[in-house]
Amino acid sequence: MSDDFNMSMRKFLKQVGVTSQQAIEEAMRNAETSGKTFDAKVVLTVDGLDLEHVVTGKITGQD
């Protein structure tokens, strides 16, 4: 893979990570989350490619 491809991939994934964390933190600040565990799911699709990648996990609220 080319350096341009790798850089664009890393830039996109960094944007996904940073903006997703910000959105989750804001939602959790606006809700009662103490001691609760939330199921989380991310679905990644890429237009023009036959790609659907699903990541699931759990996020625990702060006390």
PDB file of N, CA and C in Angstrom:
ATOM      1  N   MET A   1       0.834  -1.175   0.000  1.00  0.00           N
ATOM      2  CA  MET A   1       0.000   0.000   0.000  1.00  0.00           C
ATOM      3  C   MET A   1       0.884   1.245   0.000  1.00  0.00           C
ATOM      4  N   SER A   2       0.401   2.296  -0.614  1.00  0.00           N
ATOM      5  CA  SER A   2       1.200   3.510  -0.753  1.00  0.00           C
ATOM      6  C   SER A   2       1.205   4.327   0.541  1.00  0.00           C
ATOM      7  N   ASP A   3       2.178   5.229   0.637  1.00  0.00           N
ATOM      8  CA  ASP A   3       2.249   6.122   1.791  1.00  0.00           C
ATOM      9  C   ASP A   3       1.024   7.027   1.861  1.00  0.00           C
ATOM     10  N   ASP A   4       0.530   7.493   0.690  1.00  0.00           N
ATOM     11  CA  ASP A   4      -0.667   8.341   0.667  1.00  0.00           C
ATOM     12  C   ASP A   4      -1.872   7.592   1.221  1.00  0.00           C
ATOM     13  N   PHE A   5      -2.001   6.331   0.832  1.00  0.00           N
ATOM     14  CA  PHE A   5      -3.108   5.509   1.343  1.00  0.00           C
ATOM     15  C   PHE A   5      -2.999   5.369   2.860  1.00  0.00           C
ATOM     16  N   ASN A   6      -1.811   5.015   3.342  1.00  0.00           N
ATOM     17  CA  ASN A   6      -1.621   4.820   4.777  1.00  0.00           C
ATOM     18  C   ASN A   6      -1.907   6.101   5.554  1.00  0.00           C
ATOM     19  N   MET A   7      -1.469   7.231   5.039  1.00  0.00           N
ATOM     20  CA  MET A   7      -1.703   8.504   5.728  1.00  0.00           C
ATOM     21  C   MET A   7      -3.188   8.856   5.744  1.00  0.00           C
ATOM     22  N   SER A   8      -3.881   8.649   4.620  1.00  0.00           N
ATOM     23  CA  SER A   8      -5.311   8.978   4.592  1.00  0.00           C
ATOM     24  C   SER A   8      -6.093   8.042   5.508  1.00  0.00           C
ATOM     25  N   MET A   9      -5.687   6.768   5.568  1.00  0.00           N
ATOM     26  CA  MET A   9      -6.331   5.800   6.460  1.00  0.00           C
ATOM     27  C   MET A   9      -6.126   6.207   7.915  1.00  0.00           C
ATOM     28  N   ARG A  10      -4.909   6.531   8.282  1.00  0.00           N
ATOM     29  CA  ARG A  10      -4.614   6.927   9.656  1.00  0.00           C
ATOM     30  C   ARG A  10      -5.358   8.205  10.040  1.00  0.00           C
ATOM     31  N   LYS A  11      -5.424   9.168   9.128  1.00  0.00           N
ATOM     32  CA  LYS A  11      -6.131  10.422   9.387  1.00  0.00           C
ATOM     33  C   LYS A  11      -7.619  10.155   9.627  1.00  0.00           C
ATOM     34  N   PHE A  12      -8.217   9.305   8.791  1.00  0.00           N
ATOM     35  CA  PHE A  12      -9.631   8.973   8.951  1.00  0.00           C
ATOM     36  C   PHE A  12      -9.873   8.266  10.281  1.00  0.00           C
ATOM     37  N   LEU A  13      -9.059   7.255  10.594  1.00  0.00           N
ATOM     38  CA  LEU A  13      -9.257   6.494  11.827  1.00  0.00           C
ATOM     39  C   LEU A  13      -9.038   7.361  13.065  1.00  0.00           C
ATOM     40  N   LYS A  14      -8.098   8.298  12.999  1.00  0.00           N
ATOM     41  CA  LYS A  14      -7.896   9.224  14.115  1.00  0.00           C
ATOM     42  C   LYS A  14      -9.130  10.093  14.306  1.00  0.00           C
ATOM     43  N   GLN A  15      -9.686  10.590  13.200  1.00  0.00           N
ATOM     44  CA  GLN A  15     -10.903  11.408  13.272  1.00  0.00           C
ATOM     45  C   GLN A  15     -12.053  10.605  13.862  1.00  0.00           C
ATOM     46  N   VAL A  16     -12.197   9.357  13.447  1.00  0.00           N
ATOM     47  CA  VAL A  16     -13.249   8.484  13.990  1.00  0.00           C
ATOM     48  C   VAL A  16     -13.066   8.321  15.489  1.00  0.00           C
ATOM     49  N   GLY A  17     -11.848   8.020  15.909  1.00  0.00           N
ATOM     50  CA  GLY A  17     -11.589   7.784  17.324  1.00  0.00           C
ATOM     51  C   GLY A  17     -11.834   9.013  18.183  1.00  0.00           C
ATOM     52  N   VAL A  18     -11.302  10.139  17.752  1.00  0.00           N
ATOM     53  CA  VAL A  18     -11.417  11.372  18.541  1.00  0.00           C
ATOM     54  C   VAL A  18     -12.863  11.844  18.608  1.00  0.00           C
ATOM     55  N   THR A  19     -13.543  11.903  17.470  1.00  0.00           N
ATOM     56  CA  THR A  19     -14.919  12.410  17.476  1.00  0.00           C
ATOM     57  C   THR A  19     -15.869  11.446  18.175  1.00  0.00           C
ATOM     58  N   SER A  20     -15.611  10.150  18.062  1.00  0.00           N
ATOM     59  CA  SER A  20     -16.451   9.169  18.758  1.00  0.00           C
ATOM     60  C   SER A  20     -16.297   9.291  20.261  1.00  0.00           C
ATOM     61  N   GLN A  21     -15.071   9.440  20.717  1.00  0.00           N
ATOM     62  CA  GLN A  21     -14.846   9.598  22.157  1.00  0.00           C
ATOM     63  C   GLN A  21     -15.533  10.855  22.674  1.00  0.00           C
ATOM     64  N   GLN A  22     -15.428  11.947  21.940  1.00  0.00           N
ATOM     65  CA  GLN A  22     -16.079  13.192  22.353  1.00  0.00           C
ATOM     66  C   GLN A  22     -17.591  13.025  22.435  1.00  0.00           C
ATOM     67  N   ALA A  23     -18.178  12.356  21.453  1.00  0.00           N
ATOM     68  CA  ALA A  23     -19.631  12.158  21.435  1.00  0.00           C
ATOM     69  C   ALA A  23     -20.080  11.283  22.604  1.00  0.00           C
ATOM     70  N   ILE A  24     -19.328  10.226  22.888  1.00  0.00           N
ATOM     71  CA  ILE A  24     -19.680   9.334  23.999  1.00  0.00           C
ATOM     72  C   ILE A  24     -19.559  10.074  25.324  1.00  0.00           C
ATOM     73  N   GLU A  25     -18.470  10.816  25.510  1.00  0.00           N
ATOM     74  CA  GLU A  25     -18.279  11.552  26.753  1.00  0.00           C
ATOM     75  C   GLU A  25     -19.396  12.572  26.975  1.00  0.00           C
ATOM     76  N   GLU A  26     -19.794  13.281  25.923  1.00  0.00           N
ATOM     77  CA  GLU A  26     -20.873  14.259  26.053  1.00  0.00           C
ATOM     78  C   GLU A  26     -22.191  13.582  26.414  1.00  0.00           C
ATOM     79  N   ALA A  27     -22.501  12.489  25.757  1.00  0.00           N
ATOM     80  CA  ALA A  27     -23.748  11.768  26.051  1.00  0.00           C
ATOM     81  C   ALA A  27     -23.755  11.248  27.479  1.00  0.00           C
ATOM     82  N   MET A  28     -22.605  10.779  27.948  1.00  0.00           N
ATOM     83  CA  MET A  28     -22.542  10.244  29.306  1.00  0.00           C
ATOM     84  C   MET A  28     -22.606  11.350  30.349  1.00  0.00           C
ATOM     85  N   ARG A  29     -22.082  12.539  30.032  1.00  0.00           N
ATOM     86  CA  ARG A  29     -22.204  13.678  30.959  1.00  0.00           C
ATOM     87  C   ARG A  29     -23.663  14.097  31.109  1.00  0.00           C
ATOM     88  N   ASN A  30     -24.438  13.926  30.056  1.00  0.00           N
ATOM     89  CA  ASN A  30     -25.834  14.364  30.052  1.00  0.00           C
ATOM     90  C   ASN A  30     -26.800  13.283  30.526  1.00  0.00           C
ATOM     91  N   ALA A  31     -26.291  12.193  31.045  1.00  0.00           N
ATOM     92  CA  ALA A  31     -27.148  11.098  31.509  1.00  0.00           C
ATOM     93  C   ALA A  31     -26.625  10.591  32.855  1.00  0.00           C
ATOM     94  N   GLU A  32     -27.464   9.904  33.575  1.00  0.00           N
ATOM     95  CA  GLU A  32     -27.058   9.268  34.830  1.00  0.00           C
ATOM     96  C   GLU A  32     -26.400   7.939  34.470  1.00  0.00           C
ATOM     97  N   THR A  33     -25.076   7.880  34.574  1.00  0.00           N
ATOM     98  CA  THR A  33     -24.359   6.688  34.115  1.00  0.00           C
ATOM     99  C   THR A  33     -23.614   5.966  35.222  1.00  0.00           C
ATOM    100  N   SER A  34     -23.648   6.485  36.433  1.00  0.00           N
ATOM    101  CA  SER A  34     -22.867   5.928  37.532  1.00  0.00           C
ATOM    102  C   SER A  34     -23.141   4.433  37.718  1.00  0.00           C
ATOM    103  N   GLY A  35     -22.098   3.642  37.567  1.00  0.00           N
ATOM    104  CA  GLY A  35     -22.199   2.210  37.791  1.00  0.00           C
ATOM    105  C   GLY A  35     -22.890   1.421  36.698  1.00  0.00           C
ATOM    106  N   LYS A  36     -23.401   2.086  35.690  1.00  0.00           N
ATOM    107  CA  LYS A  36     -24.099   1.391  34.608  1.00  0.00           C
ATOM    108  C   LYS A  36     -23.109   0.977  33.522  1.00  0.00           C
ATOM    109  N   THR A  37     -23.446  -0.105  32.845  1.00  0.00           N
ATOM    110  CA  THR A  37     -22.655  -0.555  31.708  1.00  0.00           C
ATOM    111  C   THR A  37     -23.526  -0.467  30.469  1.00  0.00           C
ATOM    112  N   PHE A  38     -22.965   0.073  29.411  1.00  0.00           N
ATOM    113  CA  PHE A  38     -23.689   0.289  28.169  1.00  0.00           C
ATOM    114  C   PHE A  38     -23.087  -0.566  27.056  1.00  0.00           C
ATOM    115  N   ASP A  39     -23.954  -1.209  26.297  1.00  0.00           N
ATOM    116  CA  ASP A  39     -23.505  -1.919  25.104  1.00  0.00           C
ATOM    117  C   ASP A  39     -23.257  -0.883  24.013  1.00  0.00           C
ATOM    118  N   ALA A  40     -22.130  -1.004  23.330  1.00  0.00           N
ATOM    119  CA  ALA A  40     -21.791  -0.058  22.270  1.00  0.00           C
ATOM    120  C   ALA A  40     -21.530  -0.829  20.977  1.00  0.00           C
ATOM    121  N   LYS A  41     -21.867  -0.189  19.867  1.00  0.00           N
ATOM    122  CA  LYS A  41     -21.634  -0.813  18.562  1.00  0.00           C
ATOM    123  C   LYS A  41     -21.272   0.261  17.551  1.00  0.00           C
ATOM    124  N   VAL A  42     -20.267  -0.021  16.759  1.00  0.00           N
ATOM    125  CA  VAL A  42     -19.870   0.849  15.655  1.00  0.00           C
ATOM    126  C   VAL A  42     -19.991   0.039  14.378  1.00  0.00           C
ATOM    127  N   VAL A  43     -20.640   0.621  13.381  1.00  0.00           N
ATOM    128  CA  VAL A  43     -20.767  -0.026  12.071  1.00  0.00           C
ATOM    129  C   VAL A  43     -20.040   0.855  11.062  1.00  0.00           C
ATOM    130  N   LEU A  44     -19.021   0.292  10.439  1.00  0.00           N
ATOM    131  CA  LEU A  44     -18.222   1.022   9.454  1.00  0.00           C
ATOM    132  C   LEU A  44     -18.557   0.510   8.061  1.00  0.00           C
ATOM    133  N   THR A  45     -18.941   1.418   7.190  1.00  0.00           N
ATOM    134  CA  THR A  45     -19.156   1.078   5.786  1.00  0.00           C
ATOM    135  C   THR A  45     -18.326   2.038   4.943  1.00  0.00           C
ATOM    136  N   VAL A  46     -17.958   1.585   3.764  1.00  0.00           N
ATOM    137  CA  VAL A  46     -17.200   2.425   2.841  1.00  0.00           C
ATOM    138  C   VAL A  46     -17.931   2.408   1.509  1.00  0.00           C
ATOM    139  N   ASP A  47     -18.399   3.586   1.087  1.00  0.00           N
ATOM    140  CA  ASP A  47     -19.085   3.700  -0.198  1.00  0.00           C
ATOM    141  C   ASP A  47     -18.169   3.202  -1.311  1.00  0.00           C
ATOM    142  N   GLY A  48     -18.712   2.405  -2.193  1.00  0.00           N
ATOM    143  CA  GLY A  48     -17.954   1.898  -3.327  1.00  0.00           C
ATOM    144  C   GLY A  48     -17.233   0.593  -3.050  1.00  0.00           C
ATOM    145  N   LEU A  49     -17.208   0.172  -1.801  1.00  0.00           N
ATOM    146  CA  LEU A  49     -16.601  -1.113  -1.446  1.00  0.00           C
ATOM    147  C   LEU A  49     -17.655  -1.984  -0.785  1.00  0.00           C
ATOM    148  N   ASP A  50     -17.525  -3.259  -0.951  1.00  0.00           N
ATOM    149  CA  ASP A  50     -18.432  -4.200  -0.296  1.00  0.00           C
ATOM    150  C   ASP A  50     -17.898  -4.440   1.111  1.00  0.00           C
ATOM    151  N   LEU A  51     -18.072  -3.439   1.981  1.00  0.00           N
ATOM    152  CA  LEU A  51     -17.502  -3.509   3.321  1.00  0.00           C
ATOM    153  C   LEU A  51     -18.527  -3.080   4.351  1.00  0.00           C
ATOM    154  N   GLU A  52     -18.745  -3.932   5.318  1.00  0.00           N
ATOM    155  CA  GLU A  52     -19.479  -3.581   6.529  1.00  0.00           C
ATOM    156  C   GLU A  52     -18.743  -4.246   7.675  1.00  0.00           C
ATOM    157  N   HIS A  53     -18.117  -3.431   8.504  1.00  0.00           N
ATOM    158  CA  HIS A  53     -17.316  -3.916   9.626  1.00  0.00           C
ATOM    159  C   HIS A  53     -17.999  -3.480  10.914  1.00  0.00           C
ATOM    160  N   VAL A  54     -18.283  -4.431  11.800  1.00  0.00           N
ATOM    161  CA  VAL A  54     -18.993  -4.138  13.040  1.00  0.00           C
ATOM    162  C   VAL A  54     -18.062  -4.402  14.221  1.00  0.00           C
ATOM    163  N   VAL A  55     -17.994  -3.426  15.129  1.00  0.00           N
ATOM    164  CA  VAL A  55     -17.226  -3.570  16.359  1.00  0.00           C
ATOM    165  C   VAL A  55     -18.200  -3.372  17.515  1.00  0.00           C
ATOM    166  N   THR A  56     -18.193  -4.295  18.458  1.00  0.00           N
ATOM    167  CA  THR A  56     -19.062  -4.184  19.623  1.00  0.00           C
ATOM    168  C   THR A  56     -18.211  -4.200  20.891  1.00  0.00           C
ATOM    169  N   GLY A  57     -18.767  -3.628  21.947  1.00  0.00           N
ATOM    170  CA  GLY A  57     -18.066  -3.609  23.214  1.00  0.00           C
ATOM    171  C   GLY A  57     -18.965  -3.062  24.290  1.00  0.00           C
ATOM    172  N   LYS A  58     -18.376  -2.858  25.458  1.00  0.00           N
ATOM    173  CA  LYS A  58     -19.110  -2.335  26.604  1.00  0.00           C
ATOM    174  C   LYS A  58     -18.382  -1.114  27.136  1.00  0.00           C
ATOM    175  N   ILE A  59     -19.158  -0.119  27.600  1.00  0.00           N
ATOM    176  CA  ILE A  59     -18.605   1.088  28.204  1.00  0.00           C
ATOM    177  C   ILE A  59     -19.254   1.229  29.571  1.00  0.00           C
ATOM    178  N   THR A  60     -18.428   1.384  30.598  1.00  0.00           N
ATOM    179  CA  THR A  60     -18.929   1.507  31.958  1.00  0.00           C
ATOM    180  C   THR A  60     -18.887   2.966  32.396  1.00  0.00           C
ATOM    181  N   GLY A  61     -20.011   3.423  32.947  1.00  0.00           N
ATOM    182  CA  GLY A  61     -20.101   4.801  33.420  1.00  0.00           C
ATOM    183  C   GLY A  61     -19.218   5.035  34.641  1.00  0.00           C
ATOM    184  N   GLN A  62     -18.872   6.288  34.853  1.00  0.00           N
ATOM    185  CA  GLN A  62     -18.040   6.660  36.000  1.00  0.00           C
ATOM    186  C   GLN A  62     -18.870   6.827  37.245  1.00  0.00           C
ATOM    187  N   ASP A  63     -18.245   6.576  38.370  1.00  0.00           N
ATOM    188  CA  ASP A  63     -18.917   6.775  39.663  1.00  0.00           C
ATOM    189  C   ASP A  63     -18.873   8.221  40.070  1.00  0.00           C
TER     190      ASP A  63
END
